[in-house]
Amino acid sequence: MELDSLARGEFAPQTTYLNTASTGLLPARTVAAMGEAVAASAAGRPTDMFGDVEAARAAYARIAGVPVRCVAAGASVAVYTGLIATSLPKGAEVLVAEADFSSVVNPFHMRSDLLVRTAPLERLAEAVRPGTALVAVSAVQSADGRIADLAAIRAAARAHGARTLVDVSQGAGWYPVDAAAYDYTVTVGFKWLTTPRGVAFLTVPEDLGGLSPVFAGWVAGERPWDACYGPIDELAHSARRFDESPALFSYTGARHALALIEEVGTERIHAHNTALADRFRAGLAELGYEPVAAPGSAIVAVPGLGRRQQELSRAGVELSDRAGNLRAAFHLYTSAEDVDHLLDLLPAR
């Protein structure tokens, strides 16, 4: 099926929606599945929403390119970053990117016994040094869409014996990321993966990455229904030991949203999104604007135009004001006409 036809069948925006970097639109199949689950719950009809969690986990494993046993299902990037921060020994050095998203960096700062160093994104790889224990970075920067040089960061980390944590929240769903290439990756689902809020994933190595499941509840048991009371006798032998008790209705919707992403394919979505972003960049140049340099990104940030966000919202165009930038994000439900409409609303400089 053509992408435009598929998007029309699954999404029904009533605005020119260019704000996926904040929140993705829910596909029709997700809305329908959640509605059915809510109605069943109201009527007292049992449904297997835990089966939906496992289906969502398996779908994300395929999208991320890792075995399903390496995927934990939760609700928050900050919780999983905090899990990793808690597992570091006293005095460990963590290297993070300057002005990265707070959920990626703040949990490390909350431990006063860690050494947290900051470097500009473009120089993060060269800032890795002997003694660095962990490099934590977003694959795609939230504020402006810049893409980290993950290959260089990974190589530098390996050369110095450091682990890597990559937040793919602004990439998963459109930017091909091989999660198996890093020690840990985290992502929320409600942006480019078009799931409801309350869905997040952590990926870990086959050996589970030396993490301690400090917040393990009953769902972290190898046999959860036998782990409801007292200490858990046997933790899950997989990354499921890092699961949070799931937001079941969200995961019921996520199962179908992730199936859509798989159906379309990340490579196809990448080509569509970046073509629209390039169209926007070209139009901005004609109007005399210079966006933040972020080649190959589906996010385009225009410095100094963030103040126009509310005005554009009143005109029916949804974008974000981030760090003073007008941030536009292009996804599978965005069209060339949407790009041109936005450009028509921006005054020439």
Protein backbone atom coordinates (compact mmCIF):
# COMPACT_ATOMS: atom_id res chain seq x y z
CA MET A 1 0.00 0.00 0.00
CA GLU A 2 1.20 3.52 -0.79
CA LEU A 3 2.32 5.44 2.28
CA ASP A 4 -0.13 8.28 1.67
CA SER A 5 -3.07 5.87 1.45
CA LEU A 6 -1.97 4.02 4.55
CA ALA A 7 -1.58 7.26 6.49
CA ARG A 8 -5.03 8.46 5.42
CA GLY A 9 -6.52 5.18 6.59
CA GLU A 10 -4.84 5.25 10.00
CA PHE A 11 -4.55 8.92 10.97
CA ALA A 12 -7.08 11.72 11.00
CA PRO A 13 -5.38 14.97 12.10
CA GLN A 14 -7.63 18.00 12.19
CA THR A 15 -4.62 20.30 12.14
CA THR A 16 -1.40 20.54 10.17
CA TYR A 17 0.39 18.32 12.64
CA LEU A 18 4.18 18.77 12.70
CA ASN A 19 4.78 18.00 16.37
CA THR A 20 5.68 14.30 16.57
CA ALA A 21 8.88 15.15 18.46
CA SER A 22 6.50 16.04 21.32
CA THR A 23 3.75 13.47 20.82
CA GLY A 24 2.93 11.20 17.92
CA LEU A 25 -0.59 10.76 16.61
CA LEU A 26 -2.38 7.53 17.49
CA PRO A 27 -3.29 5.27 14.55
CA ALA A 28 -6.91 4.19 14.15
CA ARG A 29 -6.09 0.56 14.93
CA THR A 30 -4.64 1.62 18.28
CA VAL A 31 -7.66 3.76 19.17
CA ALA A 32 -9.99 0.89 18.28
CA ALA A 33 -8.06 -1.69 20.32
CA MET A 34 -7.94 0.54 23.38
CA GLY A 35 -11.64 1.32 23.09
CA GLU A 36 -12.47 -2.37 22.97
CA ALA A 37 -10.25 -3.07 25.98
CA VAL A 38 -11.81 -0.26 28.01
CA ALA A 39 -15.33 -1.45 27.12
CA ALA A 40 -14.43 -5.02 28.08
CA SER A 41 -13.03 -3.83 31.40
CA ALA A 42 -16.15 -1.79 32.12
CA ALA A 43 -18.31 -4.83 31.35
CA GLY A 44 -16.25 -7.21 33.47
CA ARG A 45 -15.14 -9.29 30.48
CA PRO A 46 -11.57 -10.60 30.93
CA THR A 47 -9.06 -9.81 28.20
CA ASP A 48 -5.42 -10.86 27.90
CA MET A 49 -3.75 -7.48 28.08
CA PHE A 50 -0.59 -9.11 29.46
CA GLY A 51 -0.46 -10.89 26.11
CA ASP A 52 -0.49 -7.45 24.51
CA VAL A 53 2.57 -6.50 26.58
CA GLU A 54 4.44 -9.53 25.24
CA ALA A 55 3.36 -8.82 21.66
CA ALA A 56 4.53 -5.20 22.01
CA ARG A 57 7.84 -6.35 23.49
CA ALA A 58 8.40 -8.74 20.59
CA ALA A 59 7.52 -6.09 18.01
CA TYR A 60 9.92 -3.59 19.54
CA ALA A 61 12.66 -6.21 19.67
CA ARG A 62 12.31 -6.67 15.92
CA ILE A 63 12.30 -2.91 15.29
CA ALA A 64 15.37 -2.43 17.50
CA GLY A 65 17.22 -5.46 16.12
CA VAL A 66 17.72 -7.33 19.40
CA PRO A 67 16.50 -10.67 20.80
CA VAL A 68 13.22 -10.35 22.66
CA ARG A 69 14.89 -11.56 25.86
CA CYS A 70 16.94 -8.34 25.83
CA VAL A 71 13.91 -6.02 26.01
CA ALA A 72 12.33 -4.74 29.21
CA ALA A 73 8.90 -3.10 29.12
CA GLY A 74 8.20 -0.09 31.31
CA ALA A 75 6.76 3.40 31.26
CA SER A 76 9.57 5.97 31.53
CA VAL A 77 13.01 6.75 30.17
CA ALA A 78 13.93 8.47 33.43
CA VAL A 79 13.15 5.32 35.43
CA TYR A 80 15.38 3.19 33.23
CA THR A 81 18.14 5.79 33.21
CA GLY A 82 17.82 5.86 36.98
CA LEU A 83 18.14 2.08 37.08
CA ILE A 84 21.43 2.32 35.19
CA ALA A 85 22.63 5.20 37.38
CA THR A 86 21.86 3.19 40.51
CA SER A 87 23.89 0.25 39.22
CA LEU A 88 27.10 2.26 38.79
CA PRO A 89 29.78 1.97 41.47
CA LYS A 90 30.66 4.92 43.69
CA GLY A 91 33.03 7.34 41.94
CA ALA A 92 32.17 6.14 38.41
CA GLU A 93 32.60 8.71 35.64
CA VAL A 94 29.65 9.34 33.35
CA LEU A 95 30.04 11.38 30.16
CA VAL A 96 26.94 13.13 28.80
CA ALA A 97 26.20 15.56 25.98
CA GLU A 98 25.75 19.26 26.65
CA ALA A 99 22.07 20.28 26.97
CA ASP A 100 20.81 16.76 26.33
CA PHE A 101 17.29 15.84 27.42
CA SER A 102 16.95 15.92 31.20
CA SER A 103 15.59 12.36 31.51
CA VAL A 104 18.88 11.12 30.04
CA VAL A 105 21.25 13.10 32.24
CA ASN A 106 19.47 14.07 35.45
CA PRO A 107 19.43 10.62 37.12
CA PHE A 108 23.24 10.62 37.06
CA HIS A 109 23.40 14.08 38.63
CA MET A 110 21.12 12.89 41.42
CA ARG A 111 23.89 10.62 42.64
CA SER A 112 26.38 12.90 44.38
CA ASP A 113 28.99 10.14 44.43
CA LEU A 114 29.27 9.95 40.62
CA LEU A 115 31.52 12.14 38.48
CA VAL A 116 29.40 13.53 35.64
CA ARG A 117 31.26 15.26 32.81
CA THR A 118 29.63 17.19 29.98
CA ALA A 119 30.93 17.74 26.44
CA PRO A 120 29.42 19.26 23.29
CA LEU A 121 27.57 16.66 21.21
CA GLU A 122 29.98 17.05 18.29
CA ARG A 123 32.98 16.35 20.54
CA LEU A 124 31.50 13.64 22.72
CA ALA A 125 33.54 10.82 21.19
CA GLU A 126 36.85 12.62 21.68
CA ALA A 127 35.90 13.42 25.28
CA VAL A 128 35.82 9.73 26.25
CA ARG A 129 38.94 8.95 28.27
CA PRO A 130 40.50 6.19 30.36
CA GLY A 131 38.33 5.75 33.44
CA THR A 132 35.06 6.76 31.76
CA ALA A 133 32.54 4.17 32.92
CA LEU A 134 29.53 5.17 30.82
CA VAL A 135 28.69 7.44 27.89
CA ALA A 136 25.02 8.48 27.86
CA VAL A 137 23.56 10.35 24.89
CA SER A 138 20.41 10.82 22.84
CA ALA A 139 20.70 9.50 19.30
CA VAL A 140 18.73 12.52 18.07
CA GLN A 141 18.65 15.70 20.11
CA SER A 142 15.21 16.78 21.27
CA ALA A 143 15.82 20.54 21.13
CA ASP A 144 17.08 20.78 17.57
CA GLY A 145 17.22 17.39 15.81
CA ARG A 146 21.01 17.03 15.66
CA ILE A 147 22.08 13.43 15.20
CA ALA A 148 24.88 12.05 17.36
CA ASP A 149 27.85 10.35 15.68
CA LEU A 150 26.98 7.07 17.34
CA ALA A 151 29.59 5.05 15.46
CA ALA A 152 32.40 7.31 16.73
CA ILE A 153 30.99 7.34 20.26
CA ARG A 154 30.69 3.56 20.29
CA ALA A 155 34.26 3.12 19.01
CA ALA A 156 35.68 5.54 21.57
CA ALA A 157 33.75 3.89 24.40
CA ARG A 158 34.98 0.44 23.43
CA ALA A 159 38.56 1.68 23.16
CA HIS A 160 38.41 2.90 26.76
CA GLY A 161 36.28 0.12 28.23
CA ALA A 162 33.22 2.30 28.79
CA ARG A 163 29.63 1.19 28.45
CA THR A 164 27.13 3.07 26.26
CA LEU A 165 23.59 4.24 26.93
CA VAL A 166 21.68 5.64 23.95
CA ASP A 167 18.25 7.24 24.25
CA VAL A 168 16.48 6.60 20.95
CA SER A 169 13.21 8.33 21.89
CA GLN A 170 13.60 10.88 19.08
CA GLY A 171 14.71 8.24 16.58
CA ALA A 172 12.96 4.91 17.13
CA GLY A 173 10.37 4.55 14.40
CA TRP A 174 12.10 6.64 11.71
CA TYR A 175 15.86 6.52 12.31
CA PRO A 176 17.48 3.10 11.89
CA VAL A 177 19.30 2.32 15.14
CA ASP A 178 20.91 -1.03 15.85
CA ALA A 179 20.26 -1.35 19.58
CA ALA A 180 22.48 -4.42 19.78
CA ALA A 181 25.49 -2.18 19.08
CA TYR A 182 25.15 -0.50 22.49
CA ASP A 183 25.10 -1.74 26.06
CA TYR A 184 21.79 -0.09 26.81
CA THR A 185 19.16 1.79 24.85
CA VAL A 186 16.00 3.42 26.15
CA THR A 187 13.00 4.90 24.42
CA VAL A 188 9.49 6.10 25.02
CA GLY A 189 6.86 4.92 22.58
CA PHE A 190 4.57 7.93 22.38
CA LYS A 191 6.59 9.88 19.84
CA TRP A 192 7.74 8.32 16.57
CA LEU A 193 6.49 4.83 17.48
CA THR A 194 2.96 6.32 17.75
CA THR A 195 2.01 4.40 20.90
CA PRO A 196 -0.02 5.80 23.78
CA ARG A 197 1.82 7.34 26.72
CA GLY A 198 2.88 4.90 29.40
CA VAL A 199 5.03 2.74 27.12
CA ALA A 200 8.84 2.64 27.27
CA PHE A 201 11.49 0.06 26.47
CA LEU A 202 14.97 -0.71 27.78
CA THR A 203 17.36 -2.95 25.86
CA VAL A 204 20.27 -4.68 27.55
CA PRO A 205 23.00 -7.10 26.43
CA GLU A 206 22.55 -10.86 26.53
CA ASP A 207 24.29 -10.91 29.94
CA LEU A 208 21.78 -8.28 31.19
CA GLY A 209 24.46 -5.61 31.49
CA GLY A 210 25.31 -5.96 35.16
CA LEU A 211 22.14 -4.14 36.22
CA SER A 212 20.46 -4.74 39.56
CA PRO A 213 16.62 -4.86 39.35
CA VAL A 214 16.19 -2.57 42.32
CA PHE A 215 12.53 -1.82 41.58
CA ALA A 216 11.55 -5.41 40.77
CA GLY A 217 7.90 -6.13 41.49
CA TRP A 218 5.88 -9.23 40.86
CA VAL A 219 6.04 -8.88 37.06
CA ALA A 220 9.84 -9.31 37.30
CA GLY A 221 9.49 -12.91 38.45
CA GLU A 222 10.29 -15.79 36.13
CA ARG A 223 6.71 -16.93 36.84
CA PRO A 224 4.95 -13.67 37.72
CA TRP A 225 1.72 -15.18 38.99
CA ASP A 226 3.75 -17.22 41.46
CA ALA A 227 5.66 -14.12 42.62
CA CYS A 228 2.83 -12.05 44.05
CA TYR A 229 3.66 -12.44 47.74
CA GLY A 230 6.86 -12.09 49.69
CA PRO A 231 10.33 -11.92 48.17
CA ILE A 232 10.60 -13.13 44.58
CA ASP A 233 12.26 -16.53 44.69
CA GLU A 234 13.32 -16.50 41.04
CA LEU A 235 13.79 -13.36 38.96
CA ALA A 236 13.08 -13.55 35.23
CA HIS A 237 16.09 -14.92 33.38
CA SER A 238 15.67 -12.23 30.73
CA ALA A 239 15.38 -8.43 30.63
CA ARG A 240 11.85 -8.92 31.87
CA ARG A 241 13.36 -8.74 35.36
CA PHE A 242 13.58 -4.98 34.70
CA ASP A 243 9.90 -4.64 33.76
CA GLU A 244 7.70 -2.10 35.47
CA SER A 245 4.12 -3.11 36.23
CA PRO A 246 2.63 -2.24 32.83
CA ALA A 247 0.03 0.35 31.94
CA LEU A 248 -2.07 -2.35 30.33
CA PHE A 249 -4.42 -0.23 28.24
CA SER A 250 -1.43 1.64 26.81
CA TYR A 251 0.28 -1.62 25.89
CA THR A 252 -2.90 -2.90 24.26
CA GLY A 253 -2.72 0.13 21.99
CA ALA A 254 1.06 -0.10 21.61
CA ARG A 255 0.84 -3.61 20.21
CA HIS A 256 -1.08 -2.31 17.20
CA ALA A 257 0.92 0.90 16.78
CA LEU A 258 4.18 -1.05 16.65
CA ALA A 259 2.64 -3.47 14.16
CA LEU A 260 1.96 -0.47 11.91
CA ILE A 261 5.56 0.73 12.17
CA GLU A 262 6.73 -2.77 11.22
CA GLU A 263 4.24 -2.91 8.35
CA VAL A 264 5.49 0.34 6.85
CA GLY A 265 9.16 -0.25 7.73
CA THR A 266 11.65 2.09 9.34
CA GLU A 267 13.64 2.58 6.13
CA ARG A 268 10.54 3.65 4.24
CA ILE A 269 9.50 6.01 7.03
CA HIS A 270 13.05 7.40 7.17
CA ALA A 271 13.03 8.22 3.47
CA HIS A 272 9.60 9.87 3.70
CA ASN A 273 10.37 11.93 6.81
CA THR A 274 13.78 13.17 5.74
CA ALA A 275 12.53 14.14 2.27
CA LEU A 276 9.91 16.37 3.88
CA ALA A 277 12.47 17.81 6.30
CA ASP A 278 14.77 18.63 3.38
CA ARG A 279 11.85 20.27 1.56
CA PHE A 280 11.26 22.44 4.61
CA ARG A 281 14.96 23.34 4.88
CA ALA A 282 15.03 24.38 1.23
CA GLY A 283 11.94 26.54 1.72
CA LEU A 284 13.43 28.15 4.79
CA ALA A 285 16.55 29.07 2.84
CA GLU A 286 14.42 30.79 0.21
CA LEU A 287 12.75 32.80 2.98
CA GLY A 288 16.13 33.78 4.44
CA TYR A 289 16.16 31.51 7.52
CA GLU A 290 19.00 29.25 8.63
CA PRO A 291 17.88 26.23 10.68
CA VAL A 292 20.15 24.41 13.10
CA ALA A 293 22.48 22.20 11.08
CA ALA A 294 21.09 18.68 11.42
CA PRO A 295 21.58 16.90 8.10
CA GLY A 296 19.57 13.72 7.71
CA SER A 297 17.21 14.54 10.58
CA ALA A 298 13.41 14.44 10.52
CA ILE A 299 13.46 17.32 13.02
CA VAL A 300 14.11 20.87 11.84
CA ALA A 301 14.70 23.65 14.38
CA VAL A 302 14.70 27.33 13.40
CA PRO A 303 16.47 29.60 15.91
CA GLY A 304 14.59 32.67 17.05
CA LEU A 305 11.22 31.58 15.66
CA GLY A 306 10.01 29.72 18.74
CA ARG A 307 8.02 32.79 19.73
CA ARG A 308 5.71 32.16 16.74
CA GLN A 309 4.57 28.75 18.02
CA GLN A 310 1.33 29.95 19.62
CA GLU A 311 0.49 32.14 16.65
CA LEU A 312 0.95 29.20 14.29
CA SER A 313 -1.12 26.98 16.57
CA ARG A 314 -3.99 29.45 16.31
CA ALA A 315 -3.62 29.15 12.54
CA GLY A 316 -4.00 25.38 12.80
CA VAL A 317 -0.33 24.34 12.56
CA GLU A 318 1.04 22.41 15.51
CA LEU A 319 4.77 22.73 16.28
CA SER A 320 6.95 23.20 19.37
CA ASP A 321 8.94 26.01 20.93
CA ARG A 322 12.11 24.35 22.23
CA ALA A 323 15.10 26.33 23.53
CA GLY A 324 13.92 29.31 21.47
CA ASN A 325 13.72 27.21 18.31
CA LEU A 326 10.60 26.66 16.26
CA ARG A 327 10.76 22.88 16.04
CA ALA A 328 9.03 21.03 13.22
CA ALA A 329 8.93 17.23 13.09
CA PHE A 330 7.88 15.27 10.01
CA HIS A 331 6.41 11.76 10.19
CA LEU A 332 4.50 9.24 8.11
CA TYR A 333 1.23 11.20 8.37
CA THR A 334 2.88 14.45 7.13
CA SER A 335 2.59 15.51 3.48
CA ALA A 336 4.41 17.89 1.16
CA GLU A 337 1.29 20.07 1.30
CA ASP A 338 1.73 20.35 5.07
CA VAL A 339 5.30 21.56 4.59
CA ASP A 340 4.27 24.13 2.00
CA HIS A 341 1.41 25.36 4.17
CA LEU A 342 3.80 26.07 7.03
CA LEU A 343 6.22 27.86 4.72
CA ASP A 344 3.38 30.03 3.43
CA LEU A 345 2.70 31.19 7.00
CA LEU A 346 6.30 32.25 7.70
CA PRO A 347 7.27 35.79 6.66
CA ALA A 348 10.37 36.30 4.55
CA ARG A 349 13.29 37.86 6.38
